[in-house]
Amino acid sequence: MEKKKYASNTRAKNKWNAANYDRLYPYVKKGKKDLYLAAAQAAGMSLNEWMEKTLDAAAGIGEHWVKS
């Protein structure tokens, strides 16, 4: 029975994520992921957070960006 409970939790999380986030699937050359991960760790961030902040800076998007 617990397996179904976890499956429904996963479905609920996936539904919420689909409604609230866009997914990106960047491909990078072998070895670059380790470089990006090291930079993120040095900045005290997760890789996802570091990537998002780096992309925002490159796009000129401020921290208080509001979806229109």
C-alpha atoms as a PDB file:
ATOM      1  CA  MET A   1       0.000   0.000   0.000  1.00  0.00           C
ATOM      2  CA  GLU A   2       2.789   2.478   0.739  1.00  0.00           C
ATOM      3  CA  LYS A   3       3.986   2.232  -2.840  1.00  0.00           C
ATOM      4  CA  LYS A   4       0.716   3.805  -4.025  1.00  0.00           C
ATOM      5  CA  LYS A   5       1.042   6.568  -1.438  1.00  0.00           C
ATOM      6  CA  TYR A   6       4.470   7.497  -2.750  1.00  0.00           C
ATOM      7  CA  ALA A   7       3.281   7.279  -6.344  1.00  0.00           C
ATOM      8  CA  SER A   8       0.469   9.750  -5.648  1.00  0.00           C
ATOM      9  CA  ASN A   9       2.904  12.102  -3.894  1.00  0.00           C
ATOM     10  CA  THR A  10       5.185  11.976  -6.915  1.00  0.00           C
ATOM     11  CA  ARG A  11       2.292  12.651  -9.292  1.00  0.00           C
ATOM     12  CA  ALA A  12       1.222  15.636  -7.184  1.00  0.00           C
ATOM     13  CA  LYS A  13       4.762  17.057  -7.154  1.00  0.00           C
ATOM     14  CA  ASN A  14       5.127  16.533 -10.894  1.00  0.00           C
ATOM     15  CA  LYS A  15       1.800  18.277 -11.529  1.00  0.00           C
ATOM     16  CA  TRP A  16       2.790  21.236  -9.348  1.00  0.00           C
ATOM     17  CA  ASN A  17       6.223  21.485 -10.994  1.00  0.00           C
ATOM     18  CA  ALA A  18       4.676  21.385 -14.481  1.00  0.00           C
ATOM     19  CA  ALA A  19       2.343  24.247 -13.569  1.00  0.00           C
ATOM     20  CA  ASN A  20       5.033  26.394 -11.930  1.00  0.00           C
ATOM     21  CA  TYR A  21       8.301  25.752 -13.751  1.00  0.00           C
ATOM     22  CA  ASP A  22       9.649  25.612 -17.287  1.00  0.00           C
ATOM     23  CA  ARG A  23      12.177  22.867 -17.998  1.00  0.00           C
ATOM     24  CA  LEU A  24      15.446  23.377 -19.817  1.00  0.00           C
ATOM     25  CA  TYR A  25      17.615  20.530 -21.013  1.00  0.00           C
ATOM     26  CA  PRO A  26      21.033  22.027 -21.720  1.00  0.00           C
ATOM     27  CA  TYR A  27      23.670  19.788 -23.241  1.00  0.00           C
ATOM     28  CA  VAL A  28      27.297  20.714 -22.611  1.00  0.00           C
ATOM     29  CA  LYS A  29      30.542  19.167 -23.731  1.00  0.00           C
ATOM     30  CA  LYS A  30      32.035  16.466 -21.511  1.00  0.00           C
ATOM     31  CA  GLY A  31      33.853  17.943 -18.533  1.00  0.00           C
ATOM     32  CA  LYS A  32      31.996  21.262 -18.485  1.00  0.00           C
ATOM     33  CA  LYS A  33      29.400  20.041 -15.997  1.00  0.00           C
ATOM     34  CA  ASP A  34      32.148  19.490 -13.438  1.00  0.00           C
ATOM     35  CA  LEU A  35      33.439  23.030 -14.040  1.00  0.00           C
ATOM     36  CA  TYR A  36      29.948  24.488 -13.617  1.00  0.00           C
ATOM     37  CA  LEU A  37      29.329  22.415 -10.494  1.00  0.00           C
ATOM     38  CA  ALA A  38      32.603  23.614  -8.963  1.00  0.00           C
ATOM     39  CA  ALA A  39      31.680  27.244  -9.717  1.00  0.00           C
ATOM     40  CA  ALA A  40      28.251  26.749  -8.154  1.00  0.00           C
ATOM     41  CA  GLN A  41      29.721  25.154  -5.036  1.00  0.00           C
ATOM     42  CA  ALA A  42      32.294  27.954  -4.739  1.00  0.00           C
ATOM     43  CA  ALA A  43      29.412  30.449  -4.844  1.00  0.00           C
ATOM     44  CA  GLY A  44      27.500  28.448  -2.209  1.00  0.00           C
ATOM     45  CA  MET A  45      24.673  27.575  -4.617  1.00  0.00           C
ATOM     46  CA  SER A  46      23.122  24.516  -6.159  1.00  0.00           C
ATOM     47  CA  LEU A  47      23.967  23.933  -9.806  1.00  0.00           C
ATOM     48  CA  ASN A  48      20.400  24.829 -10.791  1.00  0.00           C
ATOM     49  CA  GLU A  49      20.448  28.081  -8.809  1.00  0.00           C
ATOM     50  CA  TRP A  50      23.866  29.026 -10.232  1.00  0.00           C
ATOM     51  CA  MET A  51      22.745  28.315 -13.795  1.00  0.00           C
ATOM     52  CA  GLU A  52      19.581  30.357 -13.378  1.00  0.00           C
ATOM     53  CA  LYS A  53      21.434  33.337 -11.889  1.00  0.00           C
ATOM     54  CA  THR A  54      24.115  33.132 -14.590  1.00  0.00           C
ATOM     55  CA  LEU A  55      21.500  33.019 -17.356  1.00  0.00           C
ATOM     56  CA  ASP A  56      19.571  35.902 -15.756  1.00  0.00           C
ATOM     57  CA  ALA A  57      22.734  38.018 -15.638  1.00  0.00           C
ATOM     58  CA  ALA A  58      23.532  37.232 -19.276  1.00  0.00           C
ATOM     59  CA  ALA A  59      19.976  38.160 -20.297  1.00  0.00           C
ATOM     60  CA  GLY A  60      19.980  41.351 -18.211  1.00  0.00           C
ATOM     61  CA  ILE A  61      17.125  40.140 -16.055  1.00  0.00           C
ATOM     62  CA  GLY A  62      17.060  41.536 -12.527  1.00  0.00           C
ATOM     63  CA  GLU A  63      16.374  39.571  -9.357  1.00  0.00           C
ATOM     64  CA  HIS A  64      12.819  40.891  -9.168  1.00  0.00           C
ATOM     65  CA  TRP A  65      11.802  39.614 -12.585  1.00  0.00           C
ATOM     66  CA  VAL A  66       8.030  39.224 -12.909  1.00  0.00           C
ATOM     67  CA  LYS A  67       6.454  36.931 -15.488  1.00  0.00           C
ATOM     68  CA  SER A  68       4.209  38.962 -17.775  1.00  0.00           C
END
